[in-house]
Protein backbone atom coordinates (compact mmCIF):
# COMPACT_ATOMS: atom_id res chain seq x y z
CA SER A 1 0.00 0.00 0.00
CA THR A 2 1.30 3.47 -0.88
CA SER A 3 -1.40 5.27 1.10
CA SER A 4 -0.78 7.15 4.33
CA ALA A 5 -2.07 4.09 6.19
CA GLY A 6 1.02 2.18 5.03
CA CYS A 7 3.59 4.88 5.67
CA TRP A 8 4.73 3.39 9.00
CA ARG A 9 6.32 0.50 7.10
CA MET A 10 8.57 2.81 5.09
CA LYS A 11 9.81 4.38 8.31
CA ALA A 12 10.47 1.13 10.18
CA ALA A 13 13.93 0.46 11.57
CA GLU A 14 16.36 -1.01 9.04
CA ALA A 15 17.07 -4.07 11.16
CA ASP A 16 13.37 -4.91 11.41
CA ALA A 17 12.88 -4.29 7.70
CA ALA A 18 15.80 -6.51 6.72
CA GLU A 19 14.40 -9.41 8.74
CA THR A 20 10.95 -8.91 7.23
CA PHE A 21 12.07 -8.81 3.60
CA ASP A 22 14.13 -12.01 3.96
CA VAL A 23 10.97 -13.87 4.98
CA ALA A 24 8.89 -12.09 2.33
CA ASP A 25 10.94 -13.84 -0.37
CA VAL A 26 9.32 -17.10 0.79
CA ALA A 27 5.87 -16.04 2.03
CA ASP A 28 2.79 -16.09 -0.17
CA VAL A 29 2.00 -12.71 -1.75
CA ALA A 30 -1.62 -12.81 -0.57
CA ASP A 31 -0.45 -13.51 2.99
CA VAL A 32 1.91 -10.54 2.88
CA ALA A 33 -0.94 -8.28 1.69
CA GLU A 34 -3.18 -9.57 4.51
CA ILE A 35 -0.48 -8.90 7.11
CA ASP A 36 0.04 -5.38 5.79
CA ALA A 37 -3.71 -4.69 5.89
CA PHE A 38 -3.83 -5.95 9.50
CA CYS A 39 -0.91 -3.73 10.56
CA ASP A 40 -2.40 -0.74 8.76
CA THR A 41 -5.61 -1.29 10.72
CA LEU A 42 -3.69 -1.38 14.01
CA TRP A 43 -1.93 1.83 13.05
CA LEU A 44 -5.13 3.63 12.08
CA GLU A 45 -7.41 2.38 14.88
CA ASP A 46 -5.04 1.93 17.82
CA GLY A 47 -2.19 4.30 16.96
CA LEU A 48 0.46 1.69 17.77
CA ALA A 49 4.09 2.77 17.65
CA LYS A 50 6.29 1.80 14.68
CA ALA A 51 8.28 -0.64 16.81
CA SER A 52 5.10 -2.46 17.90
CA LEU A 53 3.81 -2.64 14.33
CA ALA A 54 7.15 -3.95 13.08
CA SER A 55 7.04 -6.62 15.79
CA TYR A 56 3.51 -7.72 14.78
CA ARG A 57 4.51 -7.86 11.13
CA SER A 58 7.73 -9.78 11.81
CA ASP A 59 5.88 -12.40 13.89
CA LEU A 60 3.21 -12.96 11.25
CA MET A 61 5.72 -13.00 8.40
CA GLN A 62 7.60 -15.78 10.19
CA LEU A 63 4.44 -17.89 10.31
CA ALA A 64 3.65 -17.08 6.66
CA GLY A 65 7.17 -18.05 5.64
CA TRP A 66 6.96 -21.30 7.61
CA LEU A 67 3.65 -22.22 5.96
CA ALA A 68 5.04 -21.50 2.49
CA GLY A 69 8.22 -23.45 3.19
CA GLN A 70 6.24 -26.46 4.43
CA GLN A 71 3.63 -26.08 1.64
CA LEU A 72 0.88 -26.04 4.25
CA GLY A 73 -1.42 -23.46 2.69
CA SER A 74 -2.17 -19.83 3.46
CA LEU A 75 -2.06 -17.81 6.65
CA CYS A 76 -5.79 -17.06 6.52
CA ALA A 77 -6.85 -20.68 5.98
CA ILE A 78 -4.60 -22.35 8.57
CA ASP A 79 -6.29 -24.94 10.80
CA GLN A 80 -5.79 -25.39 14.52
CA ALA A 81 -3.62 -28.52 14.20
CA THR A 82 -1.18 -26.81 11.83
CA LEU A 83 -1.02 -23.73 14.02
CA MET A 84 -0.26 -25.90 17.04
CA ARG A 85 2.60 -27.52 15.09
CA PHE A 86 4.04 -24.08 14.46
CA VAL A 87 3.67 -23.09 18.12
CA ALA A 88 5.50 -26.29 19.05
CA THR A 89 8.46 -25.20 16.90
CA LEU A 90 8.52 -21.88 18.76
CA SER A 91 8.86 -23.65 22.10
CA GLN A 92 12.14 -25.18 20.91
CA THR A 93 13.86 -21.82 20.41
CA LEU A 94 11.99 -19.16 22.41
CA ARG A 95 11.67 -18.48 26.11
CA ALA A 96 8.20 -18.67 27.64
CA SER A 97 7.88 -14.87 27.72
CA SER A 98 8.72 -14.63 24.00
CA GLN A 99 6.30 -17.45 23.18
CA ALA A 100 3.54 -15.63 25.08
CA ARG A 101 4.20 -12.42 23.15
CA TYR A 102 4.12 -14.35 19.87
CA LEU A 103 0.83 -16.04 20.77
CA SER A 104 -0.65 -12.65 21.62
CA THR A 105 0.19 -11.53 18.08
CA LEU A 106 -1.48 -14.60 16.58
CA ARG A 107 -4.60 -14.21 18.73
CA ARG A 108 -4.99 -10.59 17.75
CA PHE A 109 -4.55 -11.37 14.05
CA TYR A 110 -7.06 -14.23 13.92
CA ARG A 111 -9.63 -12.30 15.96
CA TYR A 112 -9.18 -9.48 13.44
CA LEU A 113 -9.96 -11.94 10.61
CA LEU A 114 -12.93 -13.37 12.55
CA ALA A 115 -14.39 -9.90 13.18
CA ARG A 116 -14.19 -9.06 9.49
CA GLY A 117 -15.80 -12.30 8.32
CA ARG A 118 -12.56 -13.62 6.81
CA ARG A 119 -12.76 -16.68 9.04
CA SER A 120 -15.61 -18.47 10.80
CA ASP A 121 -13.47 -19.66 13.71
CA ASP A 122 -10.46 -18.67 15.82
CA PRO A 123 -7.67 -21.29 15.51
CA THR A 124 -5.87 -19.89 18.57
CA LEU A 125 -8.83 -20.45 20.88
CA LYS A 126 -7.59 -23.71 22.44
CA ILE A 127 -3.87 -22.88 22.45
CA ALA A 128 -2.83 -22.20 26.03
CA MET A 129 -0.33 -19.52 26.95
CA PRO A 130 2.97 -20.96 28.25
CA ALA A 131 3.56 -20.63 31.98
CA LYS A 132 5.98 -17.77 32.50
CA PRO A 133 8.45 -18.03 35.39
CA SER A 134 8.17 -15.25 37.93
CA ARG A 135 11.17 -13.05 37.25
CA LEU A 136 12.09 -9.81 38.94
CA PRO A 137 13.64 -7.17 36.69
CA LYS A 138 17.39 -6.61 36.83
CA VAL A 139 18.09 -3.56 38.97
CA LEU A 140 21.19 -1.42 39.37
CA SER A 141 22.20 -0.02 42.73
CA GLU A 142 22.41 3.75 43.06
CA VAL A 143 26.23 3.48 43.21
CA GLN A 144 26.26 1.52 39.94
CA VAL A 145 24.02 4.11 38.27
CA GLU A 146 26.38 6.90 39.40
CA ARG A 147 29.34 5.04 37.85
CA LEU A 148 27.47 4.53 34.59
CA LEU A 149 26.35 8.16 34.35
CA ALA A 150 29.91 9.34 34.94
CA ALA A 151 31.36 7.13 32.16
CA PRO A 152 30.84 9.44 29.10
CA PRO A 153 33.80 11.86 28.71
CA PRO A 154 32.42 15.38 29.40
CA GLU A 155 35.09 17.12 27.31
CA THR A 156 33.92 15.56 24.01
CA THR A 157 30.88 16.39 21.91
CA LEU A 158 29.61 12.81 21.86
CA GLY A 159 30.34 12.49 25.57
CA GLN A 160 28.13 15.51 26.30
CA ARG A 161 25.31 14.03 24.21
CA ASP A 162 25.64 10.57 25.72
CA ARG A 163 25.78 11.88 29.30
CA ALA A 164 22.66 13.95 28.60
CA MET A 165 20.89 10.87 27.21
CA LEU A 166 21.82 8.66 30.18
CA GLU A 167 20.88 11.34 32.71
CA THR A 168 17.56 11.91 30.94
CA LEU A 169 16.82 8.18 30.84
CA TYR A 170 17.52 7.72 34.55
CA ALA A 171 15.70 10.93 35.53
CA THR A 172 12.53 10.12 33.59
CA GLY A 173 12.33 6.33 33.15
CA LEU A 174 11.56 6.67 29.45
CA ARG A 175 11.39 3.68 27.13
CA VAL A 176 14.35 3.63 24.74
CA SER A 177 12.07 4.33 21.75
CA GLU A 178 10.70 7.37 23.59
CA LEU A 179 14.21 8.61 24.41
CA VAL A 180 15.68 8.39 20.89
CA GLY A 181 12.47 9.83 19.44
CA LEU A 182 12.51 13.00 21.55
CA LYS A 183 12.27 16.32 19.70
CA VAL A 184 13.75 19.62 20.83
CA PHE A 185 10.30 21.23 21.06
CA GLU A 186 9.18 18.50 23.50
CA LEU A 187 11.70 19.72 26.07
CA SER A 188 11.03 22.67 28.38
CA LEU A 189 14.09 23.50 30.46
CA GLU A 190 12.29 26.48 31.98
CA MET A 191 9.59 24.23 33.40
CA GLY A 192 11.93 21.26 33.88
CA VAL A 193 9.71 18.78 32.03
CA LEU A 194 9.53 16.60 28.93
CA ARG A 195 6.42 15.96 26.85
CA VAL A 196 6.50 12.29 25.88
CA PHE A 197 4.37 10.33 23.42
CA GLY A 198 4.39 6.72 24.56
CA LYS A 199 2.64 3.52 23.53
CA GLY A 200 -0.61 4.10 21.69
CA SER A 201 0.44 7.74 21.11
CA LYS A 202 -0.52 8.52 24.73
CA GLU A 203 0.95 11.78 25.93
CA ARG A 204 2.43 12.31 29.38
CA ILE A 205 4.45 15.07 31.05
CA VAL A 206 7.55 13.87 32.90
CA PRO A 207 9.71 15.99 35.26
CA LEU A 208 13.43 16.10 34.49
CA GLY A 209 15.17 16.93 37.72
CA GLU A 210 18.01 19.39 38.29
CA VAL A 211 20.99 17.24 37.29
CA ALA A 212 19.48 16.04 34.00
CA GLY A 213 18.38 19.60 33.25
CA ASP A 214 21.93 20.93 33.75
CA CYS A 215 23.38 18.23 31.48
CA LEU A 216 20.83 19.03 28.79
CA ARG A 217 21.57 22.77 29.01
CA ARG A 218 25.29 22.19 28.48
CA TYR A 219 24.67 19.70 25.67
CA LEU A 220 22.26 22.04 23.84
CA ALA A 221 24.62 25.01 24.21
CA GLU A 222 27.75 23.14 23.11
CA GLY A 223 27.58 19.51 21.97
CA ARG A 224 24.43 19.47 19.84
CA THR A 225 25.48 22.54 17.84
CA VAL A 226 28.81 20.93 16.98
CA LEU A 227 27.15 17.60 16.12
CA LEU A 228 24.75 19.20 13.65
CA ALA A 229 27.46 21.40 12.07
CA GLY A 230 24.89 23.79 10.61
CA ARG A 231 22.38 21.10 9.63
CA GLN A 232 18.74 21.45 10.64
CA SER A 233 17.10 18.80 12.84
CA ASP A 234 14.27 18.58 15.35
CA ASP A 235 15.82 15.50 16.97
CA LEU A 236 17.00 16.21 20.50
CA PHE A 237 19.76 13.59 20.29
CA PRO A 238 21.04 13.37 16.69
CA THR A 239 23.96 11.19 15.62
CA ALA A 240 27.29 12.53 14.37
CA ARG A 241 25.76 12.39 10.87
CA GLY A 242 22.88 14.62 11.93
CA SER A 243 20.26 11.86 11.66
CA ALA A 244 18.00 10.44 14.36
CA MET A 245 19.55 7.80 16.61
CA THR A 246 18.06 4.30 16.42
CA ARG A 247 17.11 2.10 19.36
CA GLN A 248 19.81 -0.36 18.33
CA ALA A 249 22.50 2.34 18.29
CA PHE A 250 21.62 3.49 21.81
CA TRP A 251 21.58 -0.14 22.97
CA GLN A 252 25.21 -0.49 21.79
CA LEU A 253 26.09 2.88 23.32
CA ILE A 254 24.93 1.87 26.80
CA LYS A 255 26.84 -1.43 26.56
CA ARG A 256 30.01 0.51 25.73
CA TYR A 257 29.65 2.74 28.78
CA ALA A 258 28.92 -0.28 30.96
CA LEU A 259 32.41 -1.56 30.13
CA LEU A 260 33.96 1.82 30.89
CA ALA A 261 32.14 1.83 34.24
CA GLY A 262 33.50 -1.63 35.10
CA MET A 263 30.09 -3.30 34.79
CA ASP A 264 28.97 -6.43 32.95
CA PRO A 265 27.43 -5.21 29.66
CA ALA A 266 25.35 -8.40 29.43
CA ARG A 267 23.43 -7.28 32.52
CA LEU A 268 22.77 -3.76 31.29
CA SER A 269 20.28 -2.38 28.78
CA PRO A 270 18.21 0.80 28.42
CA HIS A 271 15.30 -1.03 30.07
CA VAL A 272 17.44 -1.88 33.11
CA LEU A 273 17.98 1.86 33.65
CA ARG A 274 14.19 2.33 33.40
CA HIS A 275 13.82 -0.36 36.08
CA ALA A 276 16.38 1.44 38.25
CA PHE A 277 14.42 4.69 37.91
CA ALA A 278 11.21 3.05 39.16
CA THR A 279 12.82 1.01 41.92
CA HIS A 280 14.90 3.87 43.31
CA LEU A 281 11.82 6.10 43.42
CA LEU A 282 9.93 3.49 45.43
CA ASN A 283 12.92 2.90 47.72
CA HIS A 284 12.84 6.62 48.53
CA GLY A 285 9.13 6.62 49.35
CA ALA A 286 7.39 7.44 46.05
CA ASP A 287 3.74 6.45 45.67
CA LEU A 288 3.10 3.54 43.30
CA ARG A 289 0.44 5.48 41.38
CA VAL A 290 2.93 8.30 40.76
CA VAL A 291 5.48 5.81 39.42
CA GLN A 292 2.78 4.33 37.18
CA LEU A 293 2.08 7.76 35.67
CA LEU A 294 5.76 8.52 35.18
CA LEU A 295 6.41 5.20 33.45
CA GLY A 296 3.34 5.54 31.23
CA HIS A 297 1.82 2.22 32.32
CA SER A 298 -1.87 1.95 31.48
CA ASP A 299 -2.41 -0.75 34.13
CA ILE A 300 -1.21 -0.49 37.75
CA SER A 301 -0.50 -4.26 37.77
CA THR A 302 2.40 -3.66 35.35
CA THR A 303 3.96 -1.27 37.85
CA GLN A 304 3.43 -3.51 40.86
CA ILE A 305 6.41 -5.72 40.04
CA TYR A 306 8.62 -2.89 41.25
CA THR A 307 7.13 -3.13 44.72
CA HIS A 308 8.53 -6.67 44.87
CA VAL A 309 11.96 -5.38 43.87
CA ALA A 310 11.82 -2.64 46.48
CA ARG A 311 10.64 -5.16 49.09
CA GLU A 312 13.61 -7.42 48.35
CA ARG A 313 15.91 -4.43 48.79
CA LEU A 314 14.32 -3.65 52.16
CA LYS A 315 14.82 -7.27 53.26
CA LEU A 316 18.52 -7.09 52.41
CA LEU A 317 18.91 -3.82 54.31
CA HIS A 318 17.12 -5.28 57.31
CA ALA A 319 19.28 -8.41 57.27
CA ALA A 320 22.47 -6.36 56.99
CA HIS A 321 21.76 -3.70 59.62
CA HIS A 322 19.24 -5.01 62.17
CA PRO A 323 20.83 -6.59 65.25
CA ARG A 324 18.52 -9.59 64.90
CA GLY A 325 18.48 -9.60 61.10
């Protein structure tokens, strides 16, 4: 589709696009068109972010490619037994949490077909979600966060940008897609806030804090001007080429600074810093509902996992410092 409804696909991240087009060489053309129509509908009706749409499309393209490779028919006509065979192949390579996300994609797609009269049944109806182990998010201590934030060299242009990005991430708890997508006009240093558009294009206002604000002031006055070298851009954190930074690039950036800070890069990601933001707020007495609003969670149950993390921290402190701990 070349309409505005399909424009999100042209703007998808290169890594996601490359994966999709490899599978598209195998998948049935009609299946590809059906997947695109489904994703266009999600974009128009639900306002899903590009990353979410790319994930839906990638999941469905994998199934379409598998069906074509096995000569098992089309995506729309698949029966329950064949779909269960495919789900069984997923269990051999994916963790339970990834399987559950994949099944959610399939359920949404086949309910979309059912609602539009393209199918008379839902082949996912009797496929149970895998049991997910209860896992607490990885959390950095406040000392570890300080070491990480101090890792970028302040005397370099890229160091100023990277320090500003890390400080902003820790001060606001943004998702990585929200961070790299920030525009200059969404920042108000006078008011000390960011205007963020999160999942489902939901807007929220997030306070910055004094330290992050100071880093951003210095970066905007010095580093960003040098980075752009006279080029025009609305992106708050452009690359050295003047283009918008990708999620993948920031992922690699944070791993690099983990090494400089003497930390294990395998245990660090942008989302871990988001976890640290939420947990440290709760450790210092923040209300759970406030943390929910700051994180942009639509459901309080998503935020409640951080109370478990904070509780574990309190247990450790009690055991270490109480005379009968």
